[in-house]
Protein backbone atom coordinates (compact mmCIF):
# COMPACT_ATOMS: atom_id res chain seq x y z
CA MET A 1 88.04 86.97 95.09
CA LYS A 2 88.16 85.96 98.89
CA GLU A 3 85.20 85.78 100.98
CA GLU A 4 86.04 86.31 104.64
CA GLY A 5 83.48 85.76 107.20
CA GLY A 6 83.21 88.04 110.73
CA SER A 7 82.24 91.90 111.52
CA HIS A 8 84.19 93.99 109.63
CA MET A 9 83.71 97.00 111.69
CA SER A 10 86.65 96.70 114.56
CA MET A 11 88.76 95.64 111.05
CA LYS A 12 88.12 98.96 109.02
CA ASN A 13 88.48 100.93 112.34
CA THR A 14 91.80 99.31 112.77
CA ARG A 15 92.43 100.27 108.67
CA LEU A 16 91.37 103.85 109.50
CA LYS A 17 93.63 104.02 112.47
CA VAL A 18 96.86 102.32 110.54
CA GLY A 19 98.53 105.36 108.39
CA ARG A 20 98.06 107.97 110.63
CA VAL A 21 101.75 107.69 112.50
CA PHE A 22 104.66 107.78 110.47
CA ALA A 23 121.46 99.21 129.96
CA SER A 24 120.31 97.89 132.10
CA ALA A 25 121.53 94.40 131.57
CA ALA A 26 122.34 92.10 128.19
CA LEU A 27 120.35 89.41 126.98
CA VAL A 28 121.88 85.96 125.91
CA LEU A 29 119.41 83.90 124.24
CA CYS A 30 120.04 80.59 121.83
CA LEU A 31 117.99 80.93 118.92
CA SER A 32 117.39 78.68 116.36
CA LEU A 33 118.03 81.07 113.64
CA ALA A 34 121.79 82.34 114.98
CA THR A 35 123.22 81.90 118.46
CA ILE A 36 124.06 85.54 119.53
CA ALA A 37 126.48 86.75 122.40
CA CYS A 38 125.86 90.06 124.20
CA GLN A 39 127.98 92.30 126.30
CA ASP A 40 127.09 94.86 128.57
CA VAL A 41 128.93 98.10 127.74
CA GLY A 42 126.69 100.53 129.58
CA ARG A 43 124.27 102.26 127.07
CA VAL A 44 125.13 100.15 124.32
CA ALA A 45 125.40 96.70 123.44
CA GLN A 46 127.70 95.16 121.23
CA LEU A 47 125.75 91.95 119.60
CA GLU A 48 128.09 89.27 117.39
CA LEU A 49 126.70 86.31 115.19
CA ALA A 50 128.34 83.13 116.76
CA GLY A 51 131.49 82.22 114.26
CA ARG A 52 131.63 85.40 112.98
CA ASP A 53 133.94 87.81 114.75
CA ASP A 54 133.48 90.91 112.22
CA LYS A 55 129.66 90.69 112.43
CA LYS A 56 129.47 93.27 115.01
CA PHE A 57 126.88 96.07 115.27
CA GLU A 58 126.59 98.83 117.97
CA LEU A 59 122.43 98.67 118.78
CA PRO A 60 120.61 99.24 122.00
CA SER A 61 121.14 96.91 125.09
CA GLY A 62 118.96 94.31 125.37
CA ALA A 63 118.73 94.25 121.01
CA VAL A 64 118.80 90.44 119.37
CA ILE A 65 119.41 90.49 115.80
CA ILE A 66 117.08 87.84 114.50
CA GLU A 67 118.01 87.90 110.49
CA GLU A 68 121.21 89.41 108.25
CA GLN A 69 120.23 89.87 104.80
CA PRO A 70 122.98 91.60 102.12
CA LEU A 71 121.28 93.72 99.83
CA ARG A 72 122.46 93.62 95.60
CA SER A 73 122.14 96.94 94.77
CA VAL A 74 124.51 98.33 91.89
CA SER A 75 124.77 101.61 93.44
CA ASN A 76 125.70 100.53 96.69
CA PRO A 77 127.26 97.15 97.04
CA ASP A 78 128.02 97.84 100.15
CA ARG A 79 124.24 97.31 101.96
CA GLY A 80 122.88 95.21 103.70
CA LEU A 81 119.55 94.77 106.19
CA ILE A 82 119.24 93.70 109.65
CA LEU A 83 116.14 92.37 111.41
CA TRP A 84 116.41 92.85 115.12
CA MET A 85 114.15 93.20 118.54
CA VAL A 86 114.53 94.25 121.76
CA ASN A 87 114.40 91.76 124.75
CA PRO A 88 112.06 89.58 122.76
CA THR A 89 110.34 86.91 124.12
CA ARG A 90 110.03 83.33 122.84
CA HIS A 91 106.83 81.85 121.73
CA PRO A 92 106.93 77.91 120.66
CA SER A 93 103.76 77.27 118.49
CA ALA A 94 101.55 73.62 119.56
CA ALA A 95 103.00 72.44 116.44
CA GLN A 96 106.60 72.37 118.21
CA ARG A 97 104.60 69.37 119.99
CA ASP A 98 102.82 67.96 117.65
CA PRO A 99 103.42 68.10 114.10
CA GLU A 100 99.57 67.37 113.60
CA GLU A 101 98.32 69.91 115.39
CA PRO A 102 96.41 72.49 113.58
CA TYR A 103 97.09 76.04 112.78
CA THR A 104 94.88 78.67 113.96
CA CYS A 105 94.04 81.55 111.53
CA PRO A 106 96.60 83.71 113.78
CA ASP A 107 99.16 80.97 113.70
CA GLU A 108 99.44 81.16 109.34
CA THR A 109 101.23 84.70 110.16
CA ARG A 110 103.42 83.55 113.44
CA GLY A 111 104.34 80.17 113.77
CA SER A 112 106.56 79.75 116.27
CA CYS A 113 108.01 83.38 117.06
CA TYR A 114 109.82 85.93 118.93
CA SER A 115 108.03 88.95 120.29
CA GLY A 116 109.17 92.38 121.30
CA PRO A 117 109.93 95.71 119.99
CA THR A 118 110.86 95.41 116.47
CA ARG A 119 113.59 96.72 114.41
CA VAL A 120 115.10 96.87 110.80
CA SER A 121 118.51 98.53 110.14
CA LEU A 122 120.34 99.39 106.73
CA ILE A 123 124.14 98.83 107.50
CA ASN A 124 127.41 99.19 105.91
CA THR A 125 128.38 95.51 105.27
CA THR A 126 132.01 96.91 104.90
CA THR A 127 132.59 99.17 108.02
CA ARG A 128 129.86 97.80 109.84
CA THR A 129 127.91 100.31 110.96
CA VAL A 130 123.95 101.10 110.73
CA ILE A 131 123.09 103.71 108.16
CA ASN A 132 119.16 104.31 109.69
CA THR A 133 116.73 102.32 111.57
CA ILE A 134 112.80 102.02 111.12
CA GLU A 135 110.33 100.82 113.91
CA ILE A 136 107.96 98.56 113.00
CA LYS A 137 104.54 99.35 114.51
CA ASP A 138 101.90 96.65 115.30
CA GLY A 139 99.29 97.68 112.96
CA HIS A 140 96.36 96.91 114.94
CA PHE A 141 97.45 99.57 117.55
CA ALA A 142 99.58 102.00 115.60
CA GLY A 143 97.89 105.48 116.04
CA THR A 144 95.46 104.83 118.34
CA GLU A 145 95.72 106.63 121.59
CA GLY A 146 96.41 105.11 124.85
CA LEU A 147 97.70 101.80 122.84
CA GLU A 148 101.05 103.02 122.01
CA ASN A 149 103.14 100.48 123.95
CA LYS A 150 101.31 97.67 122.37
CA ALA A 151 101.94 98.91 119.29
CA ASP A 152 105.51 99.09 119.85
CA SER A 153 105.55 95.07 119.80
CA PHE A 154 105.65 92.68 116.52
CA ASP A 155 105.50 88.70 116.24
CA ILE A 156 108.28 87.71 114.11
CA PRO A 157 108.29 83.47 113.30
CA TYR A 158 111.50 81.92 113.80
CA ALA A 159 110.11 78.69 112.33
CA ILE A 160 106.57 78.14 110.67
CA ARG A 161 105.14 76.06 108.45
CA LYS A 162 105.82 76.17 104.78
CA GLY A 163 102.45 77.36 102.29
CA TYR A 164 101.60 80.00 104.11
CA TYR A 165 102.74 83.88 103.72
CA TYR A 166 106.23 83.58 104.82
CA HIS A 167 109.63 81.53 103.14
CA VAL A 168 110.97 78.74 105.11
CA GLU A 169 114.50 77.22 104.37
CA ASP A 170 114.53 74.43 102.24
CA GLU A 171 110.78 74.65 101.30
CA GLY A 172 111.07 71.96 98.55
CA ASP A 173 112.16 69.27 101.05
CA ALA A 174 110.06 70.52 104.50
CA PRO A 175 107.51 67.95 105.29
CA GLU A 176 104.12 68.63 105.95
CA GLY A 177 103.25 69.80 109.35
CA VAL A 178 106.68 70.60 110.52
CA GLU A 179 107.95 74.26 111.37
CA MET A 180 111.11 74.99 109.44
CA LYS A 181 113.19 77.51 110.28
CA ALA A 182 111.67 80.70 108.47
CA ARG A 183 113.34 83.63 106.51
CA VAL A 184 111.29 86.91 106.85
CA MET A 185 113.78 89.18 104.69
CA TRP A 186 113.13 87.32 101.39
CA LEU A 187 113.91 89.69 99.31
CA LYS A 188 111.73 90.47 96.15
CA ASP A 189 110.80 93.11 93.80
CA TYR A 190 107.48 93.76 94.87
CA ASN A 191 107.41 97.42 93.49
CA GLY A 192 108.25 96.26 89.95
CA ASP A 193 111.48 98.29 89.21
CA GLY A 194 113.26 95.38 88.27
CA LYS A 195 115.17 95.20 92.00
CA ALA A 196 114.67 92.94 94.60
CA LEU A 197 115.23 94.73 97.56
CA GLU A 198 111.90 94.31 99.26
CA PHE A 199 110.19 91.76 101.69
CA ALA A 200 106.74 91.99 103.09
CA LEU A 201 105.59 91.45 106.77
CA PHE A 202 102.00 89.52 107.72
CA ASP A 203 99.64 90.26 110.17
CA ALA A 204 96.46 87.79 110.49
CA ALA A 205 95.49 88.54 113.78
CA ASN A 206 92.19 86.55 113.70
CA CYS A 207 90.44 84.66 110.38
CA MET A 208 89.52 88.11 108.33
CA GLY A 209 91.56 90.49 107.61
CA LEU A 210 95.35 90.10 106.77
CA LEU A 211 97.40 93.33 107.78
CA THR A 212 100.50 93.70 104.76
CA THR A 213 103.33 95.98 105.21
CA LEU A 214 106.66 96.52 102.85
CA ILE A 215 109.70 97.33 103.88
CA GLY A 216 112.51 97.90 101.19
CA TYR A 217 115.89 99.75 100.32
CA SER A 218 116.27 103.27 98.67
CA ASP A 219 118.43 103.54 96.14
CA TRP A 220 117.76 107.22 95.80
CA LEU A 221 117.66 107.72 99.44
CA ASP A 222 120.17 105.14 100.62
CA ARG A 223 117.94 104.47 103.61
CA VAL A 224 115.83 101.49 104.49
CA ILE A 225 112.04 102.86 104.25
CA GLN A 226 108.34 101.31 105.08
CA TYR A 227 106.34 102.27 101.85
CA GLN A 228 103.33 104.05 102.54
CA VAL A 229 100.04 103.52 100.54
CA SER A 230 97.73 106.26 99.83
CA LEU A 231 94.46 105.37 99.10
CA GLU A 232 91.39 107.05 97.96
CA VAL A 233 88.45 105.61 99.91
CA GLU A 234 84.82 105.82 98.28
CA GLY A 235 81.95 104.18 100.03
CA HIS A 236 78.36 105.18 100.96
CA ASP A 237 79.72 107.41 103.92
CA GLY A 238 81.44 109.26 100.40
CA HIS A 239 84.90 109.96 99.96
CA ARG A 240 88.04 110.44 102.12
CA THR A 241 92.06 109.85 101.48
CA GLU A 242 93.64 107.39 103.47
CA LEU A 243 97.58 107.29 104.01
CA LEU A 244 98.50 103.97 105.67
CA SER A 245 101.43 101.49 106.89
CA TRP A 246 99.44 98.49 106.45
CA CYS A 247 97.18 97.76 103.72
CA ASP A 248 94.68 94.56 103.84
CA TYR A 249 96.34 91.87 101.92
CA LEU A 250 97.93 94.08 99.19
CA PHE A 251 100.89 92.41 99.23
CA SER A 252 100.02 88.59 99.49
CA GLU A 253 97.69 89.07 96.56
CA LYS A 254 99.59 88.80 93.08
CA PRO A 255 99.94 91.66 90.90
CA MET A 256 98.17 92.40 87.78
CA SER A 257 101.51 93.19 86.27
CA PRO A 258 104.67 94.52 88.10
CA GLY A 259 104.21 97.30 90.53
CA HIS A 260 100.18 97.14 89.59
CA TRP A 261 97.50 95.02 91.86
CA LYS A 262 93.58 95.00 91.41
CA TYR A 263 91.80 92.60 93.84
CA GLY A 264 88.32 92.48 95.93
CA ILE A 265 88.00 91.18 99.28
CA ASP A 266 84.33 90.33 100.49
CA TYR A 267 83.28 90.99 103.85
CA ARG A 268 79.57 90.38 103.32
CA GLY A 269 78.87 87.11 104.76
CA ARG A 270 78.44 89.02 107.99
CA GLY A 271 77.17 92.23 106.85
CA GLY A 272 80.61 93.61 106.28
CA PRO A 273 81.16 95.33 102.89
CA LEU A 274 82.58 94.30 99.18
CA ASP A 275 86.44 96.10 99.23
CA LYS A 276 87.39 96.33 95.35
CA TYR A 277 91.26 97.60 95.50
CA GLU A 278 93.38 98.88 92.75
CA VAL A 279 97.20 100.11 93.65
CA ARG A 280 100.11 101.20 91.70
CA TYR A 281 103.33 101.82 92.63
CA ASP A 282 105.00 105.72 92.36
CA THR A 283 108.58 105.23 91.18
CA GLN A 284 108.83 109.25 91.61
CA HIS A 285 107.80 109.21 95.37
CA GLU A 286 108.73 105.48 96.42
CA MET A 287 105.22 104.91 97.60
CA PHE A 288 101.59 103.18 96.45
CA VAL A 289 98.74 104.81 95.38
CA GLY A 290 95.10 103.63 94.42
CA ALA A 291 91.44 102.99 95.48
CA LEU A 292 89.66 101.43 97.37
CA VAL A 293 85.55 101.41 96.49
CA TRP A 294 83.65 99.53 99.29
CA THR A 295 79.89 98.46 99.17
CA ALA A 296 77.64 96.59 101.30
CA ASP A 297 74.84 96.02 98.78
CA GLU A 298 74.69 92.51 98.13
CA ARG A 299 73.79 92.92 94.61
CA GLU A 300 76.90 93.93 93.79
CA THR A 301 79.37 91.47 92.12
CA PRO A 302 82.75 90.46 93.29
């Protein structure tokens, strides 16, 4: 059971809003992950990962590939994912200057990061063509009227300390306090179907609440998808159904069994509620379903 302080209302309002909504120039960046060269070809830019002539895709001008990850799909072995951003800006953390600099709570999910419109594409690794693309919206702003521009931006770490939410290269040998190369698309079997075809994104805007979302490959659809979470919510204000793209802490929690989570988050330290979740993966509909029961009763045990 986690205990968190802070005002719960803004976090809860964010959670309610999260699930409601389902060239001009070439950009050359020296990335720590990979050096990418772009050449302007009008409305479309061809991006090439340095040293690999076959790694070319047609993406919008200004696009920068952050990571590429092959998929081990039995039914479609020539599939992979690319994580890319549009005109990203680079934001080194204070830890780049001083490894002893303490991380803030947002640093735990950002580290040194790129910021900008974020996309994940499914590709055919043989023909080097894009099959489909999804947009990753910031869960704190998605669906909020007047904040659409802020919603279409996300922070992707390129270097981060080990021991938090993202995998890092050579994690076992990584020195304490030193930021290492991040592997955001670290594929695991999150939904319990026996296939390691999903990766999670995490966003801690502050020290209360942790938004999580799951991206993965659907063998059935032959598409990359952002998994939805349908929750039946019960609280002092009655019952409602929420359809979420981002869910508080879900994919950071250890499941009770494959595809089944049961956990609680206690925000009552400063007047917030106790949230109790139980969530399961629905294989037929390729989504997560469950219940959230919340109470502000101090007598309720976690």
